[in-house]
Amino acid sequence: AKHIHVLSSLANLRLEQGKLEEAAELMTEALGALELEVSGLRAIWDRRLEYASALRSFGEVKDACGQLSEAMQRFEQAKDSFEAVGATDHPGYASVLLCLSRCYCRRGQHARAEELVGLATANSRGEGSPLTPFAAELLMEHGRICLARGQLLEASELFLRARGAFQDTGSTRKLDYVQLLLLLVFGYLEQGGEALTLVEPLFEEARLVLQEIGATSRLEYTTLPMYRGKLLLEQGLPEQALPEFEAAKAAFDHAGSLETPEYAWLLLVTGGCQLQLGNTAMALELFAESQSAFEAGDSVDAFAQLVLRNV
């Protein structure tokens, strides 16, 4: 049992650091050992809970690798495992509901995503009170759904409330907080205008937090040049934006993160940059690659599809 706990803890650490291959190997070994323990009819309740939590963590590894379908399969298994032992009031159950909500949101199934956030809220009990980090996560997921629907102002309001909740609970040195900052950045970039003045401090804060927690191999860190390039592009500086996009592409290539929605977005905004520079043929090629990347990642993005349809 101690061996399995060590494997799971190491896997979660490697996931946070962005070392996804190591995380997957460790989690596979931990799950294999846990499956043997929970296969018997007399398996103890705590071990079944640990198995459910491990399934959720493995889903997070698959999600970070851009393998959305496999991630959803693991999250569904985790959900079923929590329900099988009557542990729907366990914090891990509400957490896996949010993981599933994110996946459905990326697939464009916003109603299902919203339903799962509602279930997570109902099953979080005290965890969802205003003074817990989980309350911030709930607000963030509601905002993510609004953002996917194109409701930019509503999304920004929810993200700002979530940021306040993270700050009030002293939870600003964690990946969830970084992801929230980048969602705010994305929303402000889409709003344009005066909102652009709010972008630079946000991704600078995200960069510093990722460095402080030793997560510079994470996809979130890889995407930072893309956001900087998008800001320059919105400011009418495509010549300065292009090197940022090229740096981001090199980082994605190095990390092997070519099946993620973030990479598909990078291709899309790089195509927009090339279009502004007058390189129409290159832009059209990038738009086609972007569409293929979204499809390969089993991801639907309302903004992306709108842009691609109008190219």
C-alpha atoms as a PDB file:
ATOM      1  CA  ALA A   1       0.000   0.000   0.000  1.00  0.00           C
ATOM      2  CA  LYS A   2       2.824   2.382   0.826  1.00  0.00           C
ATOM      3  CA  HIS A   3       4.477   1.541  -2.519  1.00  0.00           C
ATOM      4  CA  ILE A   4       1.280   2.456  -4.402  1.00  0.00           C
ATOM      5  CA  HIS A   5       0.942   5.727  -2.493  1.00  0.00           C
ATOM      6  CA  VAL A   6       4.534   6.661  -3.401  1.00  0.00           C
ATOM      7  CA  LEU A   7       3.900   5.880  -7.076  1.00  0.00           C
ATOM      8  CA  SER A   8       0.718   7.989  -7.131  1.00  0.00           C
ATOM      9  CA  SER A   9       2.386  10.897  -5.346  1.00  0.00           C
ATOM     10  CA  LEU A  10       5.354  10.830  -7.720  1.00  0.00           C
ATOM     11  CA  ALA A  11       3.030  10.671 -10.727  1.00  0.00           C
ATOM     12  CA  ASN A  12       1.108  13.731  -9.532  1.00  0.00           C
ATOM     13  CA  LEU A  13       4.384  15.592  -8.950  1.00  0.00           C
ATOM     14  CA  ARG A  14       5.636  14.759 -12.456  1.00  0.00           C
ATOM     15  CA  LEU A  15       2.282  15.872 -13.881  1.00  0.00           C
ATOM     16  CA  GLU A  16       2.580  19.239 -12.127  1.00  0.00           C
ATOM     17  CA  GLN A  17       6.139  19.614 -13.425  1.00  0.00           C
ATOM     18  CA  GLY A  18       5.009  18.837 -16.976  1.00  0.00           C
ATOM     19  CA  LYS A  19       6.991  15.571 -17.234  1.00  0.00           C
ATOM     20  CA  LEU A  20       4.088  13.744 -18.808  1.00  0.00           C
ATOM     21  CA  GLU A  21       5.805  10.561 -19.992  1.00  0.00           C
ATOM     22  CA  GLU A  22       7.144   9.873 -16.506  1.00  0.00           C
ATOM     23  CA  ALA A  23       3.756  10.709 -14.985  1.00  0.00           C
ATOM     24  CA  ALA A  24       1.996   8.280 -17.336  1.00  0.00           C
ATOM     25  CA  GLU A  25       4.453   5.455 -16.571  1.00  0.00           C
ATOM     26  CA  LEU A  26       4.165   5.927 -12.803  1.00  0.00           C
ATOM     27  CA  MET A  27       0.378   6.194 -12.882  1.00  0.00           C
ATOM     28  CA  THR A  28       0.080   3.088 -15.061  1.00  0.00           C
ATOM     29  CA  GLU A  29       2.119   1.129 -12.534  1.00  0.00           C
ATOM     30  CA  ALA A  30       0.080   2.475  -9.601  1.00  0.00           C
ATOM     31  CA  LEU A  31      -3.223   1.697 -11.322  1.00  0.00           C
ATOM     32  CA  GLY A  32      -2.088  -1.821 -12.162  1.00  0.00           C
ATOM     33  CA  ALA A  33      -1.289  -2.496  -8.522  1.00  0.00           C
ATOM     34  CA  LEU A  34      -4.545  -0.930  -7.334  1.00  0.00           C
ATOM     35  CA  GLU A  35      -6.614  -2.916  -9.839  1.00  0.00           C
ATOM     36  CA  LEU A  36      -5.302  -6.123  -8.303  1.00  0.00           C
ATOM     37  CA  GLU A  37      -6.260  -4.915  -4.828  1.00  0.00           C
ATOM     38  CA  VAL A  38      -9.792  -3.763  -5.690  1.00  0.00           C
ATOM     39  CA  SER A  39     -10.691  -6.740  -7.895  1.00  0.00           C
ATOM     40  CA  GLY A  40     -11.733  -8.840  -4.896  1.00  0.00           C
ATOM     41  CA  LEU A  41     -15.229  -8.587  -3.438  1.00  0.00           C
ATOM     42  CA  ARG A  42     -13.821  -7.847   0.009  1.00  0.00           C
ATOM     43  CA  ALA A  43     -11.616  -4.951  -1.063  1.00  0.00           C
ATOM     44  CA  ILE A  44     -11.652  -2.300   1.639  1.00  0.00           C
ATOM     45  CA  TRP A  45     -13.447   1.003   1.068  1.00  0.00           C
ATOM     46  CA  ASP A  46     -10.316   3.164   1.370  1.00  0.00           C
ATOM     47  CA  ARG A  47      -8.534   1.242  -1.379  1.00  0.00           C
ATOM     48  CA  ARG A  48     -11.498   1.678  -3.727  1.00  0.00           C
ATOM     49  CA  LEU A  49     -11.420   5.403  -3.046  1.00  0.00           C
ATOM     50  CA  GLU A  50      -7.705   5.494  -3.767  1.00  0.00           C
ATOM     51  CA  TYR A  51      -8.359   3.640  -7.027  1.00  0.00           C
ATOM     52  CA  ALA A  52     -11.003   6.198  -8.038  1.00  0.00           C
ATOM     53  CA  SER A  53      -8.619   9.051  -7.257  1.00  0.00           C
ATOM     54  CA  ALA A  54      -5.844   7.377  -9.271  1.00  0.00           C
ATOM     55  CA  LEU A  55      -8.174   7.049 -12.264  1.00  0.00           C
ATOM     56  CA  ARG A  56      -8.888  10.782 -12.047  1.00  0.00           C
ATOM     57  CA  SER A  57      -5.161  11.577 -11.914  1.00  0.00           C
ATOM     58  CA  PHE A  58      -4.478   9.343 -14.904  1.00  0.00           C
ATOM     59  CA  GLY A  59      -7.233  11.187 -16.759  1.00  0.00           C
ATOM     60  CA  GLU A  60      -5.475  14.457 -15.987  1.00  0.00           C
ATOM     61  CA  VAL A  61      -2.243  13.063 -17.449  1.00  0.00           C
ATOM     62  CA  LYS A  62      -4.055  12.025 -20.639  1.00  0.00           C
ATOM     63  CA  ASP A  63      -5.762  15.425 -20.822  1.00  0.00           C
ATOM     64  CA  ALA A  64      -2.422  17.218 -20.466  1.00  0.00           C
ATOM     65  CA  CYS A  65      -1.096  15.084 -23.346  1.00  0.00           C
ATOM     66  CA  GLY A  66      -3.977  16.238 -25.551  1.00  0.00           C
ATOM     67  CA  GLN A  67      -5.627  12.786 -25.545  1.00  0.00           C
ATOM     68  CA  LEU A  68      -9.136  13.996 -24.809  1.00  0.00           C
ATOM     69  CA  SER A  69     -11.069  10.796 -25.528  1.00  0.00           C
ATOM     70  CA  GLU A  70      -8.775   8.704 -23.319  1.00  0.00           C
ATOM     71  CA  ALA A  71      -8.933  11.344 -20.594  1.00  0.00           C
ATOM     72  CA  MET A  72     -12.734  11.303 -20.640  1.00  0.00           C
ATOM     73  CA  GLN A  73     -12.746   7.519 -20.424  1.00  0.00           C
ATOM     74  CA  ARG A  74     -10.616   7.636 -17.266  1.00  0.00           C
ATOM     75  CA  PHE A  75     -12.707  10.426 -15.744  1.00  0.00           C
ATOM     76  CA  GLU A  76     -15.909   8.466 -16.393  1.00  0.00           C
ATOM     77  CA  GLN A  77     -14.336   5.390 -14.775  1.00  0.00           C
ATOM     78  CA  ALA A  78     -13.348   7.492 -11.769  1.00  0.00           C
ATOM     79  CA  LYS A  79     -16.872   8.917 -11.528  1.00  0.00           C
ATOM     80  CA  ASP A  80     -18.369   5.416 -11.658  1.00  0.00           C
ATOM     81  CA  SER A  81     -15.893   4.177  -9.035  1.00  0.00           C
ATOM     82  CA  PHE A  82     -16.792   6.933  -6.572  1.00  0.00           C
ATOM     83  CA  GLU A  83     -20.491   6.252  -7.138  1.00  0.00           C
ATOM     84  CA  ALA A  84     -20.022   2.477  -6.730  1.00  0.00           C
ATOM     85  CA  VAL A  85     -18.840   2.926  -3.138  1.00  0.00           C
ATOM     86  CA  GLY A  86     -21.383   5.658  -2.342  1.00  0.00           C
ATOM     87  CA  ALA A  87     -18.708   8.341  -2.047  1.00  0.00           C
ATOM     88  CA  THR A  88     -20.477  11.148  -3.898  1.00  0.00           C
ATOM     89  CA  ASP A  89     -19.773  13.483  -0.974  1.00  0.00           C
ATOM     90  CA  HIS A  90     -16.019  12.844  -1.253  1.00  0.00           C
ATOM     91  CA  PRO A  91     -14.023  15.901  -2.505  1.00  0.00           C
ATOM     92  CA  GLY A  92     -12.514  13.731  -5.235  1.00  0.00           C
ATOM     93  CA  TYR A  93     -15.952  13.087  -6.711  1.00  0.00           C
ATOM     94  CA  ALA A  94     -16.727  16.791  -7.153  1.00  0.00           C
ATOM     95  CA  SER A  95     -13.236  17.253  -8.595  1.00  0.00           C
ATOM     96  CA  VAL A  96     -13.725  14.567 -11.240  1.00  0.00           C
ATOM     97  CA  LEU A  97     -17.051  16.147 -12.211  1.00  0.00           C
ATOM     98  CA  LEU A  98     -15.181  19.382 -12.959  1.00  0.00           C
ATOM     99  CA  CYS A  99     -12.610  17.439 -14.997  1.00  0.00           C
ATOM    100  CA  LEU A 100     -15.422  15.962 -17.072  1.00  0.00           C
ATOM    101  CA  SER A 101     -17.046  19.377 -17.419  1.00  0.00           C
ATOM    102  CA  ARG A 102     -13.854  20.783 -18.950  1.00  0.00           C
ATOM    103  CA  CYS A 103     -13.731  17.917 -21.434  1.00  0.00           C
ATOM    104  CA  TYR A 104     -17.342  18.348 -22.529  1.00  0.00           C
ATOM    105  CA  CYS A 105     -16.784  22.088 -22.843  1.00  0.00           C
ATOM    106  CA  ARG A 106     -13.874  21.475 -25.208  1.00  0.00           C
ATOM    107  CA  ARG A 107     -16.113  19.224 -27.287  1.00  0.00           C
ATOM    108  CA  GLY A 108     -18.664  21.987 -27.588  1.00  0.00           C
ATOM    109  CA  GLN A 109     -21.228  20.184 -25.401  1.00  0.00           C
ATOM    110  CA  HIS A 110     -21.812  23.189 -23.179  1.00  0.00           C
ATOM    111  CA  ALA A 111     -25.136  22.076 -21.699  1.00  0.00           C
ATOM    112  CA  ARG A 112     -23.575  18.841 -20.424  1.00  0.00           C
ATOM    113  CA  ALA A 113     -20.583  20.770 -19.093  1.00  0.00           C
ATOM    114  CA  GLU A 114     -22.914  23.122 -17.216  1.00  0.00           C
ATOM    115  CA  GLU A 115     -24.868  20.192 -15.801  1.00  0.00           C
ATOM    116  CA  LEU A 116     -21.676  18.620 -14.439  1.00  0.00           C
ATOM    117  CA  VAL A 117     -20.593  21.893 -12.788  1.00  0.00           C
ATOM    118  CA  GLY A 118     -24.031  22.019 -11.152  1.00  0.00           C
ATOM    119  CA  LEU A 119     -23.575  18.460  -9.863  1.00  0.00           C
ATOM    120  CA  ALA A 120     -20.110  19.333  -8.558  1.00  0.00           C
ATOM    121  CA  THR A 121     -21.570  22.320  -6.717  1.00  0.00           C
ATOM    122  CA  ALA A 122     -24.333  20.222  -5.190  1.00  0.00           C
ATOM    123  CA  ASN A 123     -21.920  17.471  -4.095  1.00  0.00           C
ATOM    124  CA  SER A 124     -19.140  19.685  -2.774  1.00  0.00           C
ATOM    125  CA  ARG A 125     -20.985  20.574   0.462  1.00  0.00           C
ATOM    126  CA  GLY A 126     -18.647  22.695   2.586  1.00  0.00           C
ATOM    127  CA  GLU A 127     -15.970  22.574  -0.105  1.00  0.00           C
ATOM    128  CA  GLY A 128     -18.015  24.932  -2.246  1.00  0.00           C
ATOM    129  CA  SER A 129     -18.349  27.663   0.384  1.00  0.00           C
ATOM    130  CA  PRO A 130     -16.824  31.072  -0.470  1.00  0.00           C
ATOM    131  CA  LEU A 131     -13.797  30.449   1.757  1.00  0.00           C
ATOM    132  CA  THR A 132     -12.382  27.392  -0.037  1.00  0.00           C
ATOM    133  CA  PRO A 133     -10.170  26.983  -3.122  1.00  0.00           C
ATOM    134  CA  PHE A 134     -12.822  24.695  -4.596  1.00  0.00           C
ATOM    135  CA  ALA A 135     -15.233  27.635  -4.724  1.00  0.00           C
ATOM    136  CA  ALA A 136     -12.705  29.378  -6.969  1.00  0.00           C
ATOM    137  CA  GLU A 137     -12.546  26.304  -9.216  1.00  0.00           C
ATOM    138  CA  LEU A 138     -16.348  26.266  -9.540  1.00  0.00           C
ATOM    139  CA  LEU A 139     -16.381  29.925 -10.591  1.00  0.00           C
ATOM    140  CA  MET A 140     -13.558  29.248 -13.030  1.00  0.00           C
ATOM    141  CA  GLU A 141     -15.443  26.393 -14.705  1.00  0.00           C
ATOM    142  CA  HIS A 142     -18.604  28.478 -15.018  1.00  0.00           C
ATOM    143  CA  GLY A 143     -16.447  31.163 -16.636  1.00  0.00           C
ATOM    144  CA  ARG A 144     -14.830  28.655 -18.982  1.00  0.00           C
ATOM    145  CA  ILE A 145     -18.275  27.645 -20.302  1.00  0.00           C
ATOM    146  CA  CYS A 146     -19.233  31.306 -20.835  1.00  0.00           C
ATOM    147  CA  LEU A 147     -15.949  31.879 -22.686  1.00  0.00           C
ATOM    148  CA  ALA A 148     -16.571  28.873 -24.945  1.00  0.00           C
ATOM    149  CA  ARG A 149     -20.011  30.279 -25.758  1.00  0.00           C
ATOM    150  CA  GLY A 150     -18.527  33.646 -26.665  1.00  0.00           C
ATOM    151  CA  GLN A 151     -19.944  35.413 -23.593  1.00  0.00           C
ATOM    152  CA  LEU A 152     -16.740  37.373 -22.979  1.00  0.00           C
ATOM    153  CA  LEU A 153     -17.898  39.894 -20.388  1.00  0.00           C
ATOM    154  CA  GLU A 154     -19.716  37.280 -18.296  1.00  0.00           C
ATOM    155  CA  ALA A 155     -16.649  35.034 -18.451  1.00  0.00           C
ATOM    156  CA  SER A 156     -14.291  37.817 -17.343  1.00  0.00           C
ATOM    157  CA  GLU A 157     -16.535  38.671 -14.404  1.00  0.00           C
ATOM    158  CA  LEU A 158     -16.555  35.042 -13.232  1.00  0.00           C
ATOM    159  CA  PHE A 159     -12.788  34.727 -13.694  1.00  0.00           C
ATOM    160  CA  LEU A 160     -12.191  37.866 -11.625  1.00  0.00           C
ATOM    161  CA  ARG A 161     -14.398  36.502  -8.839  1.00  0.00           C
ATOM    162  CA  ALA A 162     -12.478  33.215  -8.998  1.00  0.00           C
ATOM    163  CA  ARG A 163      -9.186  35.091  -8.808  1.00  0.00           C
ATOM    164  CA  GLY A 164     -10.386  36.880  -5.687  1.00  0.00           C
ATOM    165  CA  ALA A 165     -11.377  33.549  -4.132  1.00  0.00           C
ATOM    166  CA  PHE A 166      -7.953  32.053  -4.884  1.00  0.00           C
ATOM    167  CA  GLN A 167      -6.249  35.089  -3.369  1.00  0.00           C
ATOM    168  CA  ASP A 168      -8.494  35.137  -0.278  1.00  0.00           C
ATOM    169  CA  THR A 169      -7.692  31.487   0.451  1.00  0.00           C
ATOM    170  CA  GLY A 170      -3.944  31.843  -0.156  1.00  0.00           C
ATOM    171  CA  SER A 171      -4.063  29.474  -3.145  1.00  0.00           C
ATOM    172  CA  THR A 172      -2.152  31.488  -5.722  1.00  0.00           C
ATOM    173  CA  ARG A 173       0.849  29.140  -5.954  1.00  0.00           C
ATOM    174  CA  LYS A 174      -0.876  26.312  -7.790  1.00  0.00           C
ATOM    175  CA  LEU A 175      -1.583  25.308 -11.367  1.00  0.00           C
ATOM    176  CA  ASP A 176      -5.308  26.007 -11.147  1.00  0.00           C
ATOM    177  CA  TYR A 177      -4.521  29.647 -10.422  1.00  0.00           C
ATOM    178  CA  VAL A 178      -2.132  29.857 -13.382  1.00  0.00           C
ATOM    179  CA  GLN A 179      -4.784  28.350 -15.656  1.00  0.00           C
ATOM    180  CA  LEU A 180      -7.231  30.959 -14.399  1.00  0.00           C
ATOM    181  CA  LEU A 181      -4.790  33.782 -15.198  1.00  0.00           C
ATOM    182  CA  LEU A 182      -4.383  32.460 -18.743  1.00  0.00           C
ATOM    183  CA  LEU A 183      -8.143  32.179 -19.197  1.00  0.00           C
ATOM    184  CA  LEU A 184      -8.388  35.841 -18.192  1.00  0.00           C
ATOM    185  CA  VAL A 185      -5.645  36.672 -20.691  1.00  0.00           C
ATOM    186  CA  PHE A 186      -7.474  34.808 -23.456  1.00  0.00           C
ATOM    187  CA  GLY A 187     -10.737  36.579 -22.671  1.00  0.00           C
ATOM    188  CA  TYR A 188      -9.137  40.037 -22.632  1.00  0.00           C
ATOM    189  CA  LEU A 189      -7.337  39.359 -25.918  1.00  0.00           C
ATOM    190  CA  GLU A 190     -10.645  38.449 -27.515  1.00  0.00           C
ATOM    191  CA  GLN A 191     -12.320  41.578 -26.118  1.00  0.00           C
ATOM    192  CA  GLY A 192      -9.577  43.824 -27.479  1.00  0.00           C
ATOM    193  CA  GLY A 193      -9.630  47.598 -26.960  1.00  0.00           C
ATOM    194  CA  GLU A 194      -8.893  48.796 -23.424  1.00  0.00           C
ATOM    195  CA  ALA A 195      -8.893  45.191 -22.154  1.00  0.00           C
ATOM    196  CA  LEU A 196      -5.511  44.703 -23.855  1.00  0.00           C
ATOM    197  CA  THR A 197      -3.860  46.896 -21.204  1.00  0.00           C
ATOM    198  CA  LEU A 198      -4.723  44.240 -18.597  1.00  0.00           C
ATOM    199  CA  VAL A 199      -2.981  41.377 -20.385  1.00  0.00           C
ATOM    200  CA  GLU A 200       0.759  41.883 -19.821  1.00  0.00           C
ATOM    201  CA  PRO A 201       0.687  41.838 -15.975  1.00  0.00           C
ATOM    202  CA  LEU A 202      -1.428  38.656 -16.026  1.00  0.00           C
ATOM    203  CA  PHE A 203       0.829  36.496 -18.125  1.00  0.00           C
ATOM    204  CA  GLU A 204       3.872  37.889 -16.343  1.00  0.00           C
ATOM    205  CA  GLU A 205       2.321  36.767 -13.044  1.00  0.00           C
ATOM    206  CA  ALA A 206       1.559  33.366 -14.607  1.00  0.00           C
ATOM    207  CA  ARG A 207       5.188  33.039 -15.738  1.00  0.00           C
ATOM    208  CA  LEU A 208       6.529  33.849 -12.266  1.00  0.00           C
ATOM    209  CA  VAL A 209       4.187  31.388 -10.516  1.00  0.00           C
ATOM    210  CA  LEU A 210       5.133  28.593 -12.924  1.00  0.00           C
ATOM    211  CA  GLN A 211       8.814  29.284 -12.270  1.00  0.00           C
ATOM    212  CA  GLU A 212       8.288  29.360  -8.503  1.00  0.00           C
ATOM    213  CA  ILE A 213       6.517  25.990  -8.423  1.00  0.00           C
ATOM    214  CA  GLY A 214       9.003  24.372 -10.816  1.00  0.00           C
ATOM    215  CA  ALA A 215       6.476  23.843 -13.601  1.00  0.00           C
ATOM    216  CA  THR A 216       8.331  25.323 -16.574  1.00  0.00           C
ATOM    217  CA  SER A 217       7.837  22.092 -18.531  1.00  0.00           C
ATOM    218  CA  ARG A 218       4.066  22.471 -18.321  1.00  0.00           C
ATOM    219  CA  LEU A 219       2.004  23.340 -21.380  1.00  0.00           C
ATOM    220  CA  GLU A 220       0.918  26.552 -19.631  1.00  0.00           C
ATOM    221  CA  TYR A 221       4.523  27.787 -19.721  1.00  0.00           C
ATOM    222  CA  THR A 222       4.914  26.735 -23.355  1.00  0.00           C
ATOM    223  CA  THR A 223       1.929  28.867 -24.376  1.00  0.00           C
ATOM    224  CA  LEU A 224       3.229  32.136 -22.887  1.00  0.00           C
ATOM    225  CA  PRO A 225       4.997  33.331 -26.080  1.00  0.00           C
ATOM    226  CA  MET A 226       1.776  32.655 -27.987  1.00  0.00           C
ATOM    227  CA  TYR A 227      -0.170  34.994 -25.710  1.00  0.00           C
ATOM    228  CA  ARG A 228       2.528  37.650 -25.992  1.00  0.00           C
ATOM    229  CA  GLY A 229       2.445  37.310 -29.782  1.00  0.00           C
ATOM    230  CA  LYS A 230      -1.350  37.588 -29.816  1.00  0.00           C
ATOM    231  CA  LEU A 231      -1.116  40.778 -27.766  1.00  0.00           C
ATOM    232  CA  LEU A 232       1.391  42.266 -30.229  1.00  0.00           C
ATOM    233  CA  LEU A 233      -0.842  41.223 -33.106  1.00  0.00           C
ATOM    234  CA  GLU A 234      -3.859  42.932 -31.531  1.00  0.00           C
ATOM    235  CA  GLN A 235      -1.715  46.036 -31.094  1.00  0.00           C
ATOM    236  CA  GLY A 236      -1.040  46.073 -34.856  1.00  0.00           C
ATOM    237  CA  LEU A 237       2.553  44.808 -34.641  1.00  0.00           C
ATOM    238  CA  PRO A 238       2.615  41.605 -36.740  1.00  0.00           C
ATOM    239  CA  GLU A 239       6.371  41.853 -37.443  1.00  0.00           C
ATOM    240  CA  GLN A 240       7.068  41.699 -33.708  1.00  0.00           C
ATOM    241  CA  ALA A 241       4.390  39.069 -33.111  1.00  0.00           C
ATOM    242  CA  LEU A 242       5.714  36.525 -35.609  1.00  0.00           C
ATOM    243  CA  PRO A 243       8.962  35.692 -33.699  1.00  0.00           C
ATOM    244  CA  GLU A 244       6.869  35.062 -30.561  1.00  0.00           C
ATOM    245  CA  PHE A 245       4.647  32.632 -32.476  1.00  0.00           C
ATOM    246  CA  GLU A 246       7.689  30.904 -33.939  1.00  0.00           C
ATOM    247  CA  ALA A 247       9.218  30.572 -30.462  1.00  0.00           C
ATOM    248  CA  ALA A 248       5.955  29.074 -29.183  1.00  0.00           C
ATOM    249  CA  LYS A 249       5.838  26.594 -32.077  1.00  0.00           C
ATOM    250  CA  ALA A 250       9.404  25.476 -31.352  1.00  0.00           C
ATOM    251  CA  ALA A 251       8.453  24.947 -27.692  1.00  0.00           C
ATOM    252  CA  PHE A 252       5.370  22.923 -28.662  1.00  0.00           C
ATOM    253  CA  ASP A 253       7.477  20.802 -31.023  1.00  0.00           C
ATOM    254  CA  HIS A 254      10.056  20.192 -28.305  1.00  0.00           C
ATOM    255  CA  ALA A 255       7.390  19.261 -25.750  1.00  0.00           C
ATOM    256  CA  GLY A 256       5.548  16.981 -28.174  1.00  0.00           C
ATOM    257  CA  SER A 257       2.288  18.834 -27.502  1.00  0.00           C
ATOM    258  CA  LEU A 258       1.020  18.908 -31.083  1.00  0.00           C
ATOM    259  CA  GLU A 259      -2.382  17.319 -30.391  1.00  0.00           C
ATOM    260  CA  THR A 260      -3.549  19.919 -27.893  1.00  0.00           C
ATOM    261  CA  PRO A 261      -6.173  22.633 -28.491  1.00  0.00           C
ATOM    262  CA  GLU A 262      -3.522  25.198 -27.565  1.00  0.00           C
ATOM    263  CA  TYR A 263      -1.351  24.100 -30.509  1.00  0.00           C
ATOM    264  CA  ALA A 264      -4.330  24.327 -32.849  1.00  0.00           C
ATOM    265  CA  TRP A 265      -4.926  27.873 -31.599  1.00  0.00           C
ATOM    266  CA  LEU A 266      -1.251  28.712 -32.140  1.00  0.00           C
ATOM    267  CA  LEU A 267      -1.528  27.664 -35.789  1.00  0.00           C
ATOM    268  CA  LEU A 268      -4.674  29.755 -36.135  1.00  0.00           C
ATOM    269  CA  VAL A 269      -3.213  32.982 -34.711  1.00  0.00           C
ATOM    270  CA  THR A 270       0.047  32.465 -36.625  1.00  0.00           C
ATOM    271  CA  GLY A 271      -2.044  32.223 -39.770  1.00  0.00           C
ATOM    272  CA  GLY A 272      -3.708  35.513 -38.855  1.00  0.00           C
ATOM    273  CA  CYS A 273      -0.278  37.063 -38.400  1.00  0.00           C
ATOM    274  CA  GLN A 274       0.912  35.833 -41.796  1.00  0.00           C
ATOM    275  CA  LEU A 275      -2.272  37.223 -43.345  1.00  0.00           C
ATOM    276  CA  GLN A 276      -1.552  40.670 -41.887  1.00  0.00           C
ATOM    277  CA  LEU A 277       1.983  40.435 -43.276  1.00  0.00           C
ATOM    278  CA  GLY A 278       0.586  39.756 -46.753  1.00  0.00           C
ATOM    279  CA  ASN A 279       1.657  36.091 -46.873  1.00  0.00           C
ATOM    280  CA  THR A 280      -1.733  34.775 -47.975  1.00  0.00           C
ATOM    281  CA  ALA A 281      -0.630  31.328 -49.166  1.00  0.00           C
ATOM    282  CA  MET A 282       1.218  30.654 -45.907  1.00  0.00           C
ATOM    283  CA  ALA A 283      -1.783  31.898 -43.917  1.00  0.00           C
ATOM    284  CA  LEU A 284      -4.210  29.575 -45.715  1.00  0.00           C
ATOM    285  CA  GLU A 285      -1.873  26.639 -45.147  1.00  0.00           C
ATOM    286  CA  LEU A 286      -1.742  27.404 -41.431  1.00  0.00           C
ATOM    287  CA  PHE A 287      -5.529  27.768 -41.222  1.00  0.00           C
ATOM    288  CA  ALA A 288      -5.928  24.329 -42.819  1.00  0.00           C
ATOM    289  CA  GLU A 289      -3.392  22.849 -40.371  1.00  0.00           C
ATOM    290  CA  SER A 290      -5.260  24.493 -37.495  1.00  0.00           C
ATOM    291  CA  GLN A 291      -8.565  22.950 -38.548  1.00  0.00           C
ATOM    292  CA  SER A 292      -6.913  19.525 -38.787  1.00  0.00           C
ATOM    293  CA  ALA A 293      -5.284  19.984 -35.369  1.00  0.00           C
ATOM    294  CA  PHE A 294      -8.614  20.841 -33.728  1.00  0.00           C
ATOM    295  CA  GLU A 295     -10.183  17.757 -35.299  1.00  0.00           C
ATOM    296  CA  ALA A 296      -7.250  15.505 -34.315  1.00  0.00           C
ATOM    297  CA  GLY A 297      -7.546  16.682 -30.732  1.00  0.00           C
ATOM    298  CA  ASP A 298     -11.290  15.947 -30.732  1.00  0.00           C
ATOM    299  CA  SER A 299     -11.844  19.551 -29.692  1.00  0.00           C
ATOM    300  CA  VAL A 300     -14.446  22.109 -30.704  1.00  0.00           C
ATOM    301  CA  ASP A 301     -13.796  25.818 -30.185  1.00  0.00           C
ATOM    302  CA  ALA A 302     -16.519  28.344 -30.997  1.00  0.00           C
ATOM    303  CA  PHE A 303     -14.081  31.191 -31.669  1.00  0.00           C
ATOM    304  CA  ALA A 304     -11.787  29.057 -33.794  1.00  0.00           C
ATOM    305  CA  GLN A 305     -14.578  27.630 -35.905  1.00  0.00           C
ATOM    306  CA  LEU A 306     -16.023  31.110 -36.462  1.00  0.00           C
ATOM    307  CA  VAL A 307     -12.657  32.426 -37.647  1.00  0.00           C
ATOM    308  CA  LEU A 308     -11.947  29.430 -39.869  1.00  0.00           C
ATOM    309  CA  ARG A 309     -15.373  29.581 -41.512  1.00  0.00           C
ATOM    310  CA  ASN A 310     -14.809  33.231 -42.429  1.00  0.00           C
ATOM    311  CA  VAL A 311     -11.278  32.862 -43.806  1.00  0.00           C
END
